[in-house]
N, C-alpha and C. Protein backbone atom coordinates (compact mmCIF):
# COMPACT_ATOMS: atom_id res chain seq x y z
N UNK A 1 50.15 -61.30 -64.74
CA UNK A 1 51.07 -62.13 -65.49
C UNK A 1 50.94 -61.79 -66.98
N UNK A 2 52.01 -62.06 -67.66
CA UNK A 2 52.00 -61.76 -69.09
C UNK A 2 51.30 -62.88 -69.87
N UNK A 3 51.11 -62.60 -71.11
CA UNK A 3 50.48 -63.59 -71.98
C UNK A 3 51.52 -64.44 -72.68
N UNK A 4 51.06 -65.39 -73.44
CA UNK A 4 51.94 -66.28 -74.17
C UNK A 4 52.91 -65.47 -75.05
N UNK A 5 54.17 -65.91 -75.06
CA UNK A 5 55.26 -65.29 -75.83
C UNK A 5 55.84 -64.06 -75.14
N UNK A 6 55.34 -63.68 -73.97
CA UNK A 6 55.93 -62.61 -73.17
C UNK A 6 56.71 -63.27 -72.04
N UNK A 7 58.01 -63.39 -72.21
CA UNK A 7 58.79 -64.24 -71.31
C UNK A 7 59.43 -63.50 -70.14
N UNK A 8 59.30 -62.20 -70.04
CA UNK A 8 60.09 -61.47 -69.06
C UNK A 8 59.72 -61.75 -67.61
N UNK A 9 58.54 -62.19 -67.30
CA UNK A 9 58.22 -62.44 -65.89
C UNK A 9 58.82 -63.74 -65.39
N UNK A 10 59.30 -64.61 -66.26
CA UNK A 10 59.94 -65.85 -65.85
C UNK A 10 61.47 -65.73 -65.84
N UNK A 11 61.99 -64.63 -66.34
CA UNK A 11 63.43 -64.45 -66.49
C UNK A 11 64.21 -64.57 -65.17
N UNK A 12 63.76 -64.00 -64.05
CA UNK A 12 64.52 -64.15 -62.80
C UNK A 12 64.67 -65.60 -62.36
N UNK A 13 63.63 -66.39 -62.49
CA UNK A 13 63.72 -67.80 -62.09
C UNK A 13 64.61 -68.58 -63.04
N UNK A 14 64.53 -68.29 -64.32
CA UNK A 14 65.41 -68.98 -65.27
C UNK A 14 66.86 -68.63 -65.00
N UNK A 15 67.13 -67.40 -64.63
CA UNK A 15 68.49 -66.98 -64.29
C UNK A 15 68.97 -67.71 -63.04
N UNK A 16 68.11 -67.81 -62.02
CA UNK A 16 68.48 -68.51 -60.80
C UNK A 16 68.79 -69.98 -61.08
N UNK A 17 67.92 -70.66 -61.83
CA UNK A 17 68.15 -72.07 -62.10
C UNK A 17 69.39 -72.29 -62.96
N UNK A 18 69.70 -71.37 -63.86
CA UNK A 18 70.93 -71.47 -64.64
C UNK A 18 72.14 -71.37 -63.71
N UNK A 19 72.11 -70.44 -62.76
CA UNK A 19 73.21 -70.31 -61.79
C UNK A 19 73.33 -71.56 -60.94
N UNK A 20 72.22 -72.07 -60.47
CA UNK A 20 72.22 -73.29 -59.66
C UNK A 20 72.86 -74.45 -60.42
N UNK A 21 72.48 -74.62 -61.65
CA UNK A 21 73.03 -75.73 -62.45
C UNK A 21 74.52 -75.53 -62.71
N UNK A 22 74.93 -74.31 -63.10
CA UNK A 22 76.33 -74.07 -63.42
C UNK A 22 77.23 -74.16 -62.20
N UNK A 23 76.77 -73.64 -61.07
CA UNK A 23 77.62 -73.54 -59.89
C UNK A 23 77.58 -74.77 -58.99
N UNK A 24 76.56 -75.61 -59.11
CA UNK A 24 76.44 -76.74 -58.18
C UNK A 24 76.12 -78.05 -58.86
N UNK A 25 74.99 -78.15 -59.48
CA UNK A 25 74.45 -79.43 -59.91
C UNK A 25 75.34 -80.15 -60.92
N UNK A 26 75.88 -79.44 -61.89
CA UNK A 26 76.69 -80.09 -62.92
C UNK A 26 78.03 -80.61 -62.38
N UNK A 27 78.42 -80.18 -61.18
CA UNK A 27 79.68 -80.61 -60.58
C UNK A 27 79.48 -81.74 -59.57
N UNK A 28 78.26 -82.16 -59.36
CA UNK A 28 77.95 -83.17 -58.35
C UNK A 28 77.46 -84.46 -59.00
N UNK A 29 77.58 -85.55 -58.26
CA UNK A 29 77.04 -86.83 -58.67
C UNK A 29 76.24 -87.37 -57.48
N UNK A 30 74.95 -87.07 -57.45
CA UNK A 30 74.11 -87.44 -56.32
C UNK A 30 73.72 -88.92 -56.39
N UNK A 31 73.81 -89.59 -55.25
CA UNK A 31 73.43 -91.00 -55.17
C UNK A 31 71.95 -91.17 -54.85
N UNK A 32 71.40 -90.24 -54.06
CA UNK A 32 69.98 -90.32 -53.68
C UNK A 32 69.33 -88.96 -53.87
N UNK A 33 68.01 -88.98 -53.90
CA UNK A 33 67.25 -87.75 -54.00
C UNK A 33 67.43 -86.90 -52.74
N UNK A 34 67.51 -87.55 -51.58
CA UNK A 34 67.70 -86.82 -50.32
C UNK A 34 69.05 -86.09 -50.30
N UNK A 35 70.08 -86.74 -50.83
CA UNK A 35 71.39 -86.11 -50.91
C UNK A 35 71.33 -84.86 -51.80
N UNK A 36 70.62 -84.95 -52.91
CA UNK A 36 70.46 -83.81 -53.81
C UNK A 36 69.69 -82.68 -53.14
N UNK A 37 68.61 -83.03 -52.44
CA UNK A 37 67.81 -82.02 -51.75
C UNK A 37 68.62 -81.28 -50.69
N UNK A 38 69.42 -82.02 -49.92
CA UNK A 38 70.24 -81.41 -48.87
C UNK A 38 71.30 -80.49 -49.48
N UNK A 39 71.92 -80.92 -50.55
CA UNK A 39 72.95 -80.13 -51.20
C UNK A 39 72.38 -78.84 -51.78
N UNK A 40 71.25 -78.94 -52.44
CA UNK A 40 70.62 -77.76 -53.04
C UNK A 40 70.12 -76.81 -51.96
N UNK A 41 69.56 -77.35 -50.88
CA UNK A 41 69.12 -76.50 -49.77
C UNK A 41 70.31 -75.72 -49.19
N UNK A 42 71.43 -76.40 -48.98
CA UNK A 42 72.61 -75.74 -48.44
C UNK A 42 73.12 -74.67 -49.41
N UNK A 43 73.12 -74.96 -50.70
CA UNK A 43 73.55 -73.99 -51.69
C UNK A 43 72.70 -72.72 -51.62
N UNK A 44 71.39 -72.89 -51.57
CA UNK A 44 70.49 -71.73 -51.57
C UNK A 44 70.60 -70.96 -50.26
N UNK A 45 70.47 -71.64 -49.13
CA UNK A 45 70.42 -70.95 -47.83
C UNK A 45 71.77 -70.43 -47.36
N UNK A 46 72.83 -71.17 -47.61
CA UNK A 46 74.14 -70.78 -47.08
C UNK A 46 74.91 -69.94 -48.09
N UNK A 47 75.02 -70.40 -49.31
CA UNK A 47 75.86 -69.70 -50.28
C UNK A 47 75.11 -68.62 -51.04
N UNK A 48 74.04 -68.97 -51.73
CA UNK A 48 73.36 -68.04 -52.63
C UNK A 48 72.78 -66.84 -51.89
N UNK A 49 72.14 -67.06 -50.77
CA UNK A 49 71.49 -65.97 -50.04
C UNK A 49 72.42 -65.18 -49.12
N UNK A 50 73.56 -65.76 -48.73
CA UNK A 50 74.39 -65.08 -47.74
C UNK A 50 75.76 -64.66 -48.25
N UNK A 51 76.31 -65.39 -49.22
CA UNK A 51 77.69 -65.12 -49.63
C UNK A 51 77.84 -64.70 -51.08
N UNK A 52 77.05 -65.27 -51.98
CA UNK A 52 77.23 -65.02 -53.41
C UNK A 52 76.93 -63.57 -53.74
N UNK A 53 77.80 -62.95 -54.53
CA UNK A 53 77.61 -61.56 -54.93
C UNK A 53 76.65 -61.51 -56.12
N UNK A 54 75.73 -60.55 -56.09
CA UNK A 54 74.72 -60.40 -57.12
C UNK A 54 74.93 -59.07 -57.84
N UNK A 55 74.98 -59.12 -59.16
CA UNK A 55 75.21 -57.89 -59.92
C UNK A 55 74.07 -56.89 -59.73
N UNK A 56 72.85 -57.37 -59.55
CA UNK A 56 71.71 -56.47 -59.38
C UNK A 56 71.74 -55.75 -58.03
N UNK A 57 72.57 -56.20 -57.10
CA UNK A 57 72.70 -55.56 -55.79
C UNK A 57 74.01 -54.79 -55.67
N UNK A 58 74.60 -54.43 -56.79
CA UNK A 58 75.86 -53.71 -56.77
C UNK A 58 77.03 -54.60 -56.37
N UNK A 59 76.98 -55.85 -56.77
CA UNK A 59 78.01 -56.85 -56.47
C UNK A 59 78.24 -57.02 -54.97
N UNK A 60 77.13 -57.01 -54.24
CA UNK A 60 77.13 -57.33 -52.81
C UNK A 60 76.31 -58.60 -52.62
N UNK A 61 76.60 -59.30 -51.53
CA UNK A 61 75.75 -60.44 -51.20
C UNK A 61 74.43 -59.88 -50.65
N UNK A 62 73.36 -60.66 -50.69
CA UNK A 62 72.10 -60.17 -50.12
C UNK A 62 72.24 -59.76 -48.65
N UNK A 63 73.03 -60.48 -47.89
CA UNK A 63 73.23 -60.12 -46.48
C UNK A 63 73.94 -58.78 -46.35
N UNK A 64 74.98 -58.57 -47.17
CA UNK A 64 75.70 -57.28 -47.15
C UNK A 64 74.79 -56.15 -47.59
N UNK A 65 73.99 -56.40 -48.61
CA UNK A 65 73.08 -55.39 -49.12
C UNK A 65 72.06 -54.97 -48.06
N UNK A 66 71.49 -55.95 -47.37
CA UNK A 66 70.51 -55.64 -46.31
C UNK A 66 71.15 -54.83 -45.20
N UNK A 67 72.37 -55.21 -44.81
CA UNK A 67 73.07 -54.46 -43.75
C UNK A 67 73.32 -53.02 -44.17
N UNK A 68 73.73 -52.82 -45.42
CA UNK A 68 74.02 -51.46 -45.88
C UNK A 68 72.75 -50.63 -46.00
N UNK A 69 71.62 -51.26 -46.30
CA UNK A 69 70.36 -50.55 -46.40
C UNK A 69 69.81 -50.19 -45.02
N UNK A 70 70.10 -50.99 -44.02
CA UNK A 70 69.60 -50.72 -42.67
C UNK A 70 70.39 -49.63 -41.97
N UNK A 71 71.67 -49.47 -42.34
CA UNK A 71 72.49 -48.46 -41.65
C UNK A 71 72.48 -47.14 -42.34
């Protein structure tokens, strides 16, 4: 791990949380913590990991990228 003031090892997580907030959380009004947990779980497992296109993967979804790497 890097030392204080070296921020690059935290950059991927900060990018993910920024996407999560912009694409989901700021558009929702959760009534309970359980409702928020279920919504965020669905976002990550269904949309982010399977459908959302990632620039670092050549604008493919992770599922598409894995399929293209296996074939």
